[in-house]
Amino acid sequence: MDAPATAPKVPANERPSSLPPFARLPVSGIAGAAAALLLGLSARFGYFGDELYFLVSGKYHFAWGYADNPWLVPALARLMDAIAPGSVVALRVPALLLTAGGIVLTALIAREMGGGRRAQTVAAAAFATSIQLLSSGHLLATYTVDPFLWTLTCWFVVRWLRTRQDRLLLFAGLATALAMQGKFLIVFFWLALGVGALITGPRELLRRPLLWAGAVITVAATLPTVLWQARNGWPYFDMQAIVAEQVNRFMGGPGLVAPLAIVFAGLPAGAFLVCHGTWQLFRSPRYRFLGWATVLVTVIFIVTVGRYYYISGLYGLLFAASAVRVERSRPARWWRWVPTWPTFAVTAAVTIFVGLPVQPVSMITNANFVASGSYGWPQLVDTVGKAYHELPPSQQSHAVLMGDTYWQASALDFYGRQQGLPAAYGPERGSWYNGEPPADTGPVLYTGSDSAQLSRFFGDVRQVATVSIDTKPDNVNQNIPVWLCEAPRAPWPRLWQQMHRA
């Protein structure tokens, strides 16, 4: 469909025939180096707690929706485990491929904005050295899939601005539909984009039929997940309250959402470039609506008390906008050193040290969230398994396992099946929806929590074991108690309802 007569003219240097060549060698080199690094580190320590949750959800409890996310990441985990059962390296291959793809897409956005070889290379390097983006490439998680799909959507939108080929808006809708199967966050991007287009144009974007066709596809694709949420009492909204509580407790409150998003874009290069890129979008009449979208998305996540990394899907767009300006005009003297290879080398070193599991086991602390949360799960299950086998045979036949957190419940479910242990359950978040204990459940071997809490549900609570990991004293599984819980204070269906917590 041709653009209306009122549509802004496309500058001659941005027409399809004058598109700069793709900087294939440097961009593919950066993407390949990032992928190789992630592959080399993919076997470090073992499954992360979230990965275990996605794995057991997809492999043993697949559904079109879950309490805290839609179905896409559990389905990916199920697929990779089917290809290579029990391989943590295979499980993480999609994450490294998506990270490498995001690097290439960021360079392509810079190219669509008129950026040549240097701009594309700078944009790609910024993505590759972002603390948030590179570290998320180590794990299969929703916050790995989401930034890639946001970046892909941004590329389609920016390309549409240059070419006015409306099929690109349909492709953006398809990317959005897929993103909605991983997280629901991209809907805020489109709301902000629409407001930005209304404020500054191009308003004809909102009149394109294929844009709305993509919206219809997105709604249809998301309907199974929405129906699952409706049938289960909309637990996703409970998760939003949990996120807000965690942001207030551990991340300094919503006032630090934007500063943390800037810091985790990469230090020092990425942090400068996201700020500069936002400013450049506002300076450009052509891309100003994307500047408004960036600011509005950030405001939305501040007001709703979201996590700082919800904004990371916009990093690629901002890196590209900054890199194109850097190529066209020399930066001011005071920050001229930022878009240079020495600075990117420093940024890469900081990112690798802070965001990836390169430190020896002896240096890991609980402050290193990913490494600590990836260590000791087999030992935890071994401890519970030993306690189970010490039970009399009459108790073993009706015993079940429970983990206090969804990480612990997922570890017991995954590794326990391999050891022939009884079924595992969990009262927290998505684990509670993955199944409930049978009515004739006998003793419960409960991992985590404390006797006071468990005594609300059981008349007899005794500690029978403690998880001890001698090779690494500081991790999330060290000194976790294992309780033998008997004499439930209510029949199991009702007791399970009482135990549930978001």
Protein backbone atom coordinates (compact mmCIF):
# COMPACT_ATOMS: atom_id res chain seq x y z
CA MET A 1 0.00 0.00 0.00
CA ASP A 2 1.40 3.40 -0.96
CA ALA A 3 1.86 6.01 1.75
CA PRO A 4 -0.72 8.81 1.88
CA ALA A 5 0.21 12.13 0.39
CA THR A 6 0.69 13.53 3.88
CA ALA A 7 3.35 10.95 4.78
CA PRO A 8 6.80 12.37 5.44
CA LYS A 9 9.12 12.13 2.48
CA VAL A 10 11.92 9.65 2.75
CA PRO A 11 15.29 11.41 2.46
CA ALA A 12 17.28 10.37 -0.60
CA ASN A 13 20.12 8.95 1.46
CA GLU A 14 17.68 6.66 3.31
CA ARG A 15 15.90 5.16 0.30
CA PRO A 16 16.25 1.43 -0.30
CA SER A 17 18.65 1.91 -3.19
CA SER A 18 21.07 3.87 -1.00
CA LEU A 19 21.03 1.57 2.02
CA PRO A 20 24.59 1.23 3.35
CA PRO A 21 26.24 -2.17 2.89
CA PHE A 22 25.87 -4.57 5.78
CA ALA A 23 29.08 -4.70 7.83
CA ARG A 24 29.10 -8.47 7.60
CA LEU A 25 32.62 -9.22 8.78
CA PRO A 26 32.83 -7.12 11.98
CA VAL A 27 29.22 -7.74 13.01
CA SER A 28 29.40 -11.49 12.44
CA GLY A 29 32.74 -11.53 14.23
CA ILE A 30 31.24 -9.83 17.30
CA ALA A 31 28.18 -12.09 17.28
CA GLY A 32 30.34 -15.18 16.80
CA ALA A 33 32.69 -14.20 19.63
CA ALA A 34 29.76 -13.65 22.00
CA ALA A 35 28.21 -16.98 21.02
CA ALA A 36 31.52 -18.80 21.46
CA LEU A 37 32.02 -17.26 24.90
CA LEU A 38 28.52 -18.23 26.00
CA LEU A 39 28.95 -21.75 24.63
CA GLY A 40 32.26 -22.14 26.43
CA LEU A 41 30.67 -21.15 29.74
CA SER A 42 27.35 -22.95 29.26
CA ALA A 43 28.32 -25.98 31.33
CA ARG A 44 29.42 -23.98 34.37
CA PHE A 45 27.88 -25.13 37.68
CA GLY A 46 24.63 -26.64 36.33
CA TYR A 47 21.01 -25.65 35.87
CA PHE A 48 19.88 -22.33 37.28
CA GLY A 49 16.79 -22.49 39.50
CA ASP A 50 14.56 -20.82 36.92
CA GLU A 51 15.82 -23.20 34.25
CA LEU A 52 14.82 -26.18 36.38
CA TYR A 53 11.37 -24.67 36.77
CA PHE A 54 10.96 -24.15 33.02
CA LEU A 55 12.34 -27.61 32.34
CA VAL A 56 9.97 -29.53 34.61
CA SER A 57 7.05 -27.30 33.60
CA GLY A 58 7.58 -28.02 29.92
CA LYS A 59 8.65 -31.65 30.24
CA TYR A 60 6.23 -32.96 32.86
CA HIS A 61 3.50 -30.33 33.26
CA PHE A 62 3.10 -28.67 29.87
CA ALA A 63 0.19 -26.23 29.62
CA TRP A 64 -0.79 -23.21 27.55
CA GLY A 65 -0.21 -21.00 30.55
CA TYR A 66 1.55 -20.86 33.90
CA ALA A 67 1.18 -18.69 36.96
CA ASP A 68 4.12 -16.46 36.10
CA ASN A 69 4.62 -16.78 32.34
CA PRO A 70 3.06 -18.14 29.14
CA TRP A 71 4.15 -21.39 27.47
CA LEU A 72 7.04 -20.48 25.13
CA VAL A 73 10.08 -20.91 27.38
CA PRO A 74 8.83 -24.17 28.97
CA ALA A 75 8.22 -25.46 25.44
CA LEU A 76 11.77 -24.52 24.40
CA ALA A 77 13.15 -26.25 27.48
CA ARG A 78 11.13 -29.35 26.67
CA LEU A 79 12.37 -29.36 23.07
CA MET A 80 16.04 -28.99 23.97
CA ASP A 81 15.83 -31.68 26.63
CA ALA A 82 14.19 -34.01 24.10
CA ILE A 83 17.11 -33.40 21.74
CA ALA A 84 19.77 -33.89 24.42
CA PRO A 85 18.23 -35.24 27.65
CA GLY A 86 19.81 -33.88 30.80
CA SER A 87 22.25 -31.60 28.96
CA VAL A 88 22.56 -28.15 30.45
CA VAL A 89 24.65 -27.10 27.43
CA ALA A 90 21.88 -28.06 25.00
CA LEU A 91 19.28 -26.31 27.11
CA ARG A 92 21.22 -23.05 26.81
CA VAL A 93 21.84 -23.18 23.06
CA PRO A 94 18.67 -21.16 22.24
CA ALA A 95 19.81 -18.45 24.65
CA LEU A 96 23.18 -17.98 23.00
CA LEU A 97 21.63 -18.06 19.52
CA LEU A 98 19.09 -15.40 20.51
CA THR A 99 21.87 -13.25 21.97
CA ALA A 100 23.93 -13.54 18.80
CA GLY A 101 20.81 -12.79 16.78
CA GLY A 102 20.14 -9.69 18.86
CA ILE A 103 23.65 -8.44 18.10
CA VAL A 104 23.04 -8.80 14.36
CA LEU A 105 19.59 -7.20 14.56
CA THR A 106 21.00 -4.20 16.42
CA ALA A 107 23.52 -3.68 13.62
CA LEU A 108 20.68 -3.99 11.09
CA ILE A 109 18.68 -1.30 12.91
CA ALA A 110 21.71 0.99 12.69
CA ARG A 111 21.92 0.19 8.98
CA GLU A 112 18.23 1.04 8.48
CA MET A 113 18.89 4.38 10.15
CA GLY A 114 21.58 5.07 7.57
CA GLY A 115 24.52 3.84 9.59
CA GLY A 116 27.55 2.53 7.78
CA ARG A 117 30.25 0.11 8.80
CA ARG A 118 31.35 1.99 11.92
CA ALA A 119 27.83 2.62 13.20
CA GLN A 120 26.82 -1.00 12.72
CA THR A 121 29.96 -2.21 14.45
CA VAL A 122 29.58 0.16 17.40
CA ALA A 123 25.92 -0.82 17.84
CA ALA A 124 26.75 -4.52 17.68
CA ALA A 125 29.59 -4.12 20.17
CA ALA A 126 27.32 -2.26 22.58
CA PHE A 127 24.77 -5.08 22.53
CA ALA A 128 27.48 -7.71 22.95
CA THR A 129 28.99 -5.97 25.98
CA SER A 130 25.76 -5.12 27.77
CA ILE A 131 25.75 -6.64 31.25
CA GLN A 132 22.06 -7.50 31.07
CA LEU A 133 21.98 -8.80 27.51
CA LEU A 134 25.15 -10.87 27.58
CA SER A 135 24.52 -12.35 31.02
CA SER A 136 20.95 -13.30 30.07
CA GLY A 137 22.45 -15.17 27.13
CA HIS A 138 23.89 -17.65 29.62
CA LEU A 139 20.42 -18.85 30.68
CA LEU A 140 17.25 -20.05 29.03
CA ALA A 141 14.71 -17.69 30.56
CA THR A 142 11.94 -15.29 29.61
CA TYR A 143 14.32 -12.36 30.00
CA THR A 144 16.53 -13.91 27.30
CA VAL A 145 13.79 -14.41 24.72
CA ASP A 146 12.03 -11.10 25.29
CA PRO A 147 14.86 -8.65 24.37
CA PHE A 148 15.50 -10.49 21.10
CA LEU A 149 11.85 -10.28 20.05
CA TRP A 150 11.61 -6.61 21.06
CA THR A 151 14.73 -5.90 18.99
CA LEU A 152 13.27 -7.82 16.04
CA THR A 153 10.04 -5.84 16.32
CA CYS A 154 11.97 -2.56 16.43
CA TRP A 155 13.87 -3.55 13.30
CA PHE A 156 10.62 -4.16 11.41
CA VAL A 157 9.22 -0.80 12.54
CA VAL A 158 12.36 1.14 11.62
CA ARG A 159 12.56 -0.64 8.28
CA TRP A 160 8.92 0.25 7.62
CA LEU A 161 9.75 3.90 8.26
CA ARG A 162 12.31 3.76 5.48
CA THR A 163 10.46 1.65 2.92
CA ARG A 164 6.74 2.03 3.80
CA GLN A 165 6.32 -1.66 2.93
CA ASP A 166 3.31 -2.57 5.03
CA ARG A 167 4.07 -6.26 5.14
CA LEU A 168 6.80 -5.31 7.60
CA LEU A 169 4.09 -4.24 10.03
CA LEU A 170 2.53 -7.68 9.70
CA PHE A 171 5.93 -9.23 10.42
CA ALA A 172 6.20 -6.97 13.46
CA GLY A 173 2.82 -8.30 14.56
CA LEU A 174 4.01 -11.88 14.16
CA ALA A 175 7.12 -11.11 16.24
CA THR A 176 4.86 -9.51 18.83
CA ALA A 177 2.58 -12.55 18.86
CA LEU A 178 5.58 -14.75 19.58
CA ALA A 179 6.87 -12.36 22.24
CA MET A 180 3.52 -12.54 24.01
CA GLN A 181 4.02 -16.27 24.43
CA GLY A 182 7.12 -15.57 26.50
CA LYS A 183 6.13 -12.46 28.43
CA PHE A 184 3.30 -9.98 28.21
CA LEU A 185 5.57 -6.93 28.42
CA ILE A 186 5.71 -6.05 24.73
CA VAL A 187 2.12 -4.83 24.85
CA PHE A 188 3.43 -1.81 26.76
CA PHE A 189 5.89 -1.10 23.96
CA TRP A 190 3.08 -0.95 21.42
CA LEU A 191 0.92 1.23 23.66
CA ALA A 192 3.82 3.64 24.08
CA LEU A 193 4.61 3.49 20.36
CA GLY A 194 1.02 4.35 19.50
CA VAL A 195 1.02 7.32 21.85
CA GLY A 196 4.32 8.51 20.40
CA ALA A 197 2.94 8.26 16.86
CA LEU A 198 -0.12 10.27 17.87
CA ILE A 199 2.03 12.95 19.46
CA THR A 200 4.63 13.44 16.73
CA GLY A 201 3.68 11.14 13.84
CA PRO A 202 3.80 9.21 11.67
CA ARG A 203 0.08 8.95 12.42
CA GLU A 204 -0.48 6.96 9.25
CA LEU A 205 1.28 4.08 11.01
CA LEU A 206 -1.85 3.59 13.07
CA ARG A 207 -4.04 3.51 9.97
CA ARG A 208 -2.25 0.64 8.26
CA PRO A 209 -4.53 -2.42 7.92
CA LEU A 210 -1.64 -4.88 8.19
CA LEU A 211 -0.65 -3.36 11.53
CA TRP A 212 -4.08 -4.23 12.89
CA ALA A 213 -3.97 -7.62 11.20
CA GLY A 214 -0.84 -8.30 13.23
CA ALA A 215 -2.70 -7.19 16.35
CA VAL A 216 -5.51 -9.64 15.61
CA ILE A 217 -2.98 -12.45 15.15
CA THR A 218 -1.37 -11.51 18.46
CA VAL A 219 -4.69 -11.61 20.29
CA ALA A 220 -5.60 -14.97 18.73
CA ALA A 221 -2.20 -16.49 19.54
CA THR A 222 -2.40 -15.27 23.15
CA LEU A 223 -5.96 -16.42 23.75
CA PRO A 224 -5.04 -19.93 25.05
CA THR A 225 -2.81 -18.39 27.70
CA VAL A 226 -5.47 -15.84 28.65
CA LEU A 227 -8.05 -18.62 29.00
CA TRP A 228 -5.64 -20.57 31.23
CA GLN A 229 -5.20 -17.50 33.42
CA ALA A 230 -8.97 -17.01 33.63
CA ARG A 231 -9.58 -20.65 34.58
CA ASN A 232 -6.97 -20.43 37.33
CA GLY A 233 -8.00 -17.14 38.91
CA TRP A 234 -5.54 -14.82 37.11
CA PRO A 235 -2.40 -15.73 39.07
CA TYR A 236 -0.32 -13.51 36.81
CA PHE A 237 -1.64 -10.48 38.67
CA ASP A 238 -0.42 -12.02 41.93
CA MET A 239 3.01 -12.23 40.33
CA GLN A 240 2.98 -8.51 39.66
CA ALA A 241 2.54 -7.89 43.39
CA ILE A 242 5.49 -10.23 44.06
CA VAL A 243 7.65 -8.36 41.55
CA ALA A 244 6.77 -5.04 43.16
CA GLU A 245 7.66 -6.41 46.60
CA GLN A 246 11.01 -7.69 45.32
CA VAL A 247 11.82 -4.41 43.59
CA ASN A 248 11.12 -2.51 46.80
CA ARG A 249 13.09 -4.94 48.95
CA PHE A 250 16.11 -5.81 46.81
CA MET A 251 16.40 -3.18 44.09
CA GLY A 252 15.90 0.04 45.99
CA GLY A 253 12.34 0.73 44.86
CA PRO A 254 10.88 2.00 41.57
CA GLY A 255 13.02 5.13 41.66
CA LEU A 256 16.04 3.03 40.72
CA VAL A 257 14.42 1.24 37.76
CA ALA A 258 15.77 3.71 35.19
CA PRO A 259 19.24 4.14 36.78
CA LEU A 260 19.68 0.37 37.03
CA ALA A 261 18.55 -0.05 33.44
CA ILE A 262 21.24 2.41 32.40
CA VAL A 263 23.95 0.73 34.47
CA PHE A 264 23.12 -2.75 33.20
CA ALA A 265 23.25 -1.53 29.61
CA GLY A 266 27.01 -1.80 30.09
CA LEU A 267 29.73 0.04 31.96
CA PRO A 268 30.92 2.41 30.74
CA ALA A 269 30.04 2.19 27.01
CA GLY A 270 26.46 0.93 27.04
CA ALA A 271 25.33 3.32 29.78
CA PHE A 272 26.47 6.32 27.75
CA LEU A 273 25.04 5.03 24.51
CA VAL A 274 21.51 4.32 25.79
CA CYS A 275 21.26 7.85 27.17
CA HIS A 276 22.75 9.36 24.03
CA GLY A 277 20.55 7.16 21.84
CA THR A 278 17.39 8.28 23.59
CA TRP A 279 18.38 11.90 23.08
CA GLN A 280 19.13 11.27 19.41
CA LEU A 281 15.70 9.76 18.85
CA PHE A 282 14.13 12.92 20.24
CA ARG A 283 16.35 15.10 18.08
CA SER A 284 15.23 13.35 14.90
CA PRO A 285 11.78 14.30 13.52
CA ARG A 286 11.70 10.93 11.80
CA TYR A 287 12.34 8.86 14.92
CA ARG A 288 10.98 11.14 17.62
CA PHE A 289 7.98 8.89 18.23
CA LEU A 290 10.43 6.12 19.16
CA GLY A 291 12.00 8.48 21.68
CA TRP A 292 8.57 9.04 23.19
CA ALA A 293 8.00 5.28 23.22
CA THR A 294 11.28 4.76 25.09
CA VAL A 295 10.41 7.31 27.75
CA LEU A 296 6.82 6.13 28.12
CA VAL A 297 7.84 2.48 28.44
CA THR A 298 10.29 3.46 31.16
CA VAL A 299 7.63 5.49 32.97
CA ILE A 300 5.18 2.59 32.76
CA PHE A 301 7.63 0.20 34.38
CA ILE A 302 8.48 2.74 37.07
CA VAL A 303 4.82 3.37 37.90
CA THR A 304 3.96 -0.34 37.88
CA VAL A 305 7.12 -1.13 39.91
CA GLY A 306 8.60 -3.43 37.29
CA ARG A 307 12.09 -4.83 37.17
CA TYR A 308 14.82 -2.74 35.57
CA TYR A 309 15.58 -5.34 32.89
CA TYR A 310 12.08 -5.04 31.46
CA ILE A 311 13.50 -2.06 29.55
CA SER A 312 16.36 -4.07 28.02
CA GLY A 313 14.32 -4.86 24.90
CA LEU A 314 14.91 -1.25 23.83
CA TYR A 315 18.69 -1.37 24.22
CA GLY A 316 19.28 -2.42 20.61
CA LEU A 317 17.24 0.49 19.24
CA LEU A 318 19.03 3.00 21.48
CA PHE A 319 22.49 1.61 20.75
CA ALA A 320 21.76 1.89 17.02
CA ALA A 321 20.46 5.48 17.23
CA SER A 322 23.53 6.55 19.19
CA ALA A 323 25.97 4.72 16.91
CA VAL A 324 24.56 6.34 13.78
CA ARG A 325 25.00 9.79 15.27
CA VAL A 326 28.53 8.96 16.43
CA GLU A 327 29.43 7.95 12.89
CA ARG A 328 28.00 11.11 11.34
CA SER A 329 29.44 13.66 13.74
CA ARG A 330 32.33 13.49 16.14
CA PRO A 331 31.20 13.26 19.78
CA ALA A 332 31.95 16.05 22.21
CA ARG A 333 35.44 16.04 23.63
CA TRP A 334 34.38 14.97 27.11
CA TRP A 335 32.89 11.64 25.92
CA ARG A 336 34.76 11.10 22.67
CA TRP A 337 36.53 8.14 24.27
CA VAL A 338 33.29 6.17 24.79
CA PRO A 339 32.62 4.66 21.32
CA THR A 340 36.19 3.38 20.94
CA TRP A 341 37.61 -0.12 21.06
CA PRO A 342 39.61 0.38 24.27
CA THR A 343 36.41 1.43 26.05
CA PHE A 344 34.49 -1.52 24.62
CA ALA A 345 37.30 -3.81 25.76
CA VAL A 346 36.96 -2.46 29.31
CA THR A 347 33.18 -2.76 29.12
CA ALA A 348 33.47 -6.36 27.92
CA ALA A 349 35.81 -7.21 30.78
CA VAL A 350 33.45 -5.69 33.35
CA THR A 351 30.46 -7.46 31.83
CA ILE A 352 32.15 -10.86 31.70
CA PHE A 353 33.39 -10.61 35.27
CA VAL A 354 30.10 -9.33 36.69
CA GLY A 355 27.56 -11.09 34.51
CA LEU A 356 29.01 -14.47 33.56
CA PRO A 357 30.17 -17.46 35.66
CA VAL A 358 33.90 -17.01 35.11
CA GLN A 359 34.87 -16.81 38.76
CA PRO A 360 36.23 -19.90 40.52
CA VAL A 361 33.92 -21.74 42.89
CA SER A 362 35.83 -20.42 45.88
CA MET A 363 34.88 -16.82 44.97
CA ILE A 364 31.15 -17.37 44.54
CA THR A 365 28.86 -15.72 47.07
CA ASN A 366 25.10 -15.44 47.28
CA ALA A 367 25.48 -11.95 45.85
CA ASN A 368 26.39 -13.66 42.57
CA PHE A 369 22.78 -14.58 41.94
CA VAL A 370 23.17 -16.74 38.83
CA ALA A 371 26.20 -18.73 39.95
CA SER A 372 24.85 -19.27 43.47
CA GLY A 373 21.46 -20.29 42.10
CA SER A 374 23.08 -22.80 39.74
CA TYR A 375 25.02 -24.74 42.33
CA GLY A 376 24.16 -27.68 44.55
CA TRP A 377 20.82 -28.91 43.20
CA PRO A 378 21.87 -32.55 42.76
CA GLN A 379 23.31 -32.54 46.29
CA LEU A 380 20.04 -31.18 47.67
CA VAL A 381 18.08 -33.97 46.01
CA ASP A 382 20.62 -36.57 47.14
CA THR A 383 20.10 -35.42 50.73
CA VAL A 384 16.33 -35.70 50.41
CA GLY A 385 16.69 -39.06 48.70
CA LYS A 386 18.76 -40.43 51.56
CA ALA A 387 16.12 -39.28 54.05
CA TYR A 388 13.44 -40.96 51.96
CA HIS A 389 15.24 -44.29 51.84
CA GLU A 390 15.61 -44.22 55.62
CA LEU A 391 11.84 -44.22 56.02
CA PRO A 392 10.14 -47.55 56.79
CA PRO A 393 8.77 -49.23 53.63
CA SER A 394 5.20 -48.70 54.85
CA GLN A 395 5.78 -44.92 54.90
CA GLN A 396 7.70 -44.81 51.63
CA SER A 397 4.71 -46.10 49.66
CA HIS A 398 2.63 -43.00 50.50
CA ALA A 399 5.37 -40.39 50.98
CA VAL A 400 5.73 -37.30 48.79
CA LEU A 401 8.42 -34.65 48.43
CA MET A 402 7.88 -30.90 48.69
CA GLY A 403 10.11 -27.93 48.08
CA ASP A 404 9.38 -24.67 49.85
CA THR A 405 10.44 -22.55 46.85
CA TYR A 406 9.60 -23.22 43.23
CA TRP A 407 13.33 -23.74 42.63
CA GLN A 408 13.51 -26.47 45.27
CA ALA A 409 10.29 -28.10 44.09
CA SER A 410 11.55 -28.11 40.51
CA ALA A 411 14.90 -29.63 41.50
CA LEU A 412 13.12 -32.37 43.45
CA ASP A 413 10.82 -33.03 40.50
CA PHE A 414 13.62 -33.14 37.91
CA TYR A 415 16.38 -35.01 39.73
CA GLY A 416 14.02 -37.02 41.95
CA ARG A 417 12.45 -38.75 38.94
CA GLN A 418 15.91 -39.86 37.85
CA GLN A 419 16.49 -41.44 41.26
CA GLY A 420 13.10 -43.13 41.48
CA LEU A 421 11.93 -40.85 44.28
CA PRO A 422 8.21 -40.18 44.81
CA ALA A 423 6.37 -37.29 43.21
CA ALA A 424 7.45 -33.77 44.13
CA TYR A 425 5.23 -30.74 44.72
CA GLY A 426 5.62 -27.13 45.74
CA PRO A 427 3.28 -24.55 47.30
CA GLU A 428 4.92 -21.53 45.66
CA ARG A 429 4.05 -19.81 42.38
CA GLY A 430 3.83 -22.04 39.32
CA SER A 431 4.82 -25.18 41.20
CA TRP A 432 1.49 -25.15 43.03
CA TYR A 433 -0.37 -25.27 39.71
CA ASN A 434 1.73 -28.16 38.41
CA GLY A 435 -0.18 -30.65 40.53
CA GLU A 436 -1.42 -31.42 44.04
CA PRO A 437 -0.66 -34.35 46.35
CA PRO A 438 -3.14 -37.24 46.27
CA ALA A 439 -5.78 -37.55 48.99
CA ASP A 440 -4.02 -40.57 50.52
CA THR A 441 -0.67 -38.80 50.92
CA GLY A 442 1.30 -40.00 53.91
CA PRO A 443 4.47 -38.42 55.29
CA VAL A 444 5.93 -35.38 53.54
CA LEU A 445 9.65 -34.77 53.19
CA TYR A 446 9.66 -31.00 53.06
CA THR A 447 12.76 -29.08 51.92
CA GLY A 448 13.26 -25.57 53.26
CA SER A 449 11.07 -23.35 55.45
CA ASP A 450 11.08 -23.72 59.27
CA SER A 451 9.26 -25.69 61.92
CA ALA A 452 7.04 -22.80 63.00
CA GLN A 453 5.70 -22.27 59.51
CA LEU A 454 5.22 -25.98 58.82
CA SER A 455 3.51 -26.54 62.17
CA ARG A 456 0.59 -24.50 60.84
CA PHE A 457 -0.14 -27.39 58.48
CA PHE A 458 1.21 -30.50 60.25
CA GLY A 459 0.91 -31.74 63.80
CA ASP A 460 4.27 -33.53 63.76
CA VAL A 461 7.30 -31.75 62.25
CA ARG A 462 10.81 -33.14 62.72
CA GLN A 463 14.07 -32.18 61.04
CA VAL A 464 15.69 -35.30 59.56
CA ALA A 465 18.53 -33.88 57.45
CA THR A 466 20.45 -30.77 56.46
CA VAL A 467 21.87 -30.09 53.02
CA SER A 468 25.63 -29.74 53.25
CA ILE A 469 27.80 -28.89 50.27
CA ASP A 470 31.42 -29.09 51.40
CA THR A 471 32.95 -27.99 48.11
CA LYS A 472 31.18 -24.65 48.16
CA PRO A 473 30.02 -23.26 51.50
CA ASP A 474 28.17 -20.18 50.15
CA ASN A 475 25.25 -20.93 47.85
CA VAL A 476 21.45 -21.01 47.93
CA ASN A 477 21.37 -24.71 48.84
CA GLN A 478 23.77 -24.67 51.78
CA ASN A 479 22.33 -25.62 55.19
CA ILE A 480 18.80 -26.09 53.86
CA PRO A 481 16.78 -28.19 56.36
CA VAL A 482 14.79 -31.28 55.39
CA TRP A 483 11.71 -31.94 57.51
CA LEU A 484 9.57 -35.01 58.01
CA CYS A 485 6.01 -33.73 58.27
CA GLU A 486 3.13 -35.94 59.45
CA ALA A 487 -0.35 -35.56 60.93
CA PRO A 488 -1.81 -33.03 58.47
CA ARG A 489 -4.17 -30.58 60.15
CA ALA A 490 -6.75 -30.83 57.32
CA PRO A 491 -7.67 -33.26 54.54
CA TRP A 492 -5.24 -32.95 51.65
CA PRO A 493 -7.31 -31.14 49.05
CA ARG A 494 -8.16 -28.44 51.59
CA LEU A 495 -4.68 -28.42 53.15
CA TRP A 496 -3.11 -27.92 49.72
CA GLN A 497 -5.30 -24.87 49.19
CA GLN A 498 -4.17 -23.49 52.55
CA MET A 499 -0.50 -24.05 51.77
CA HIS A 500 -0.60 -22.18 48.47
CA ARG A 501 1.30 -18.92 48.29
CA ALA A 502 2.14 -16.67 45.36
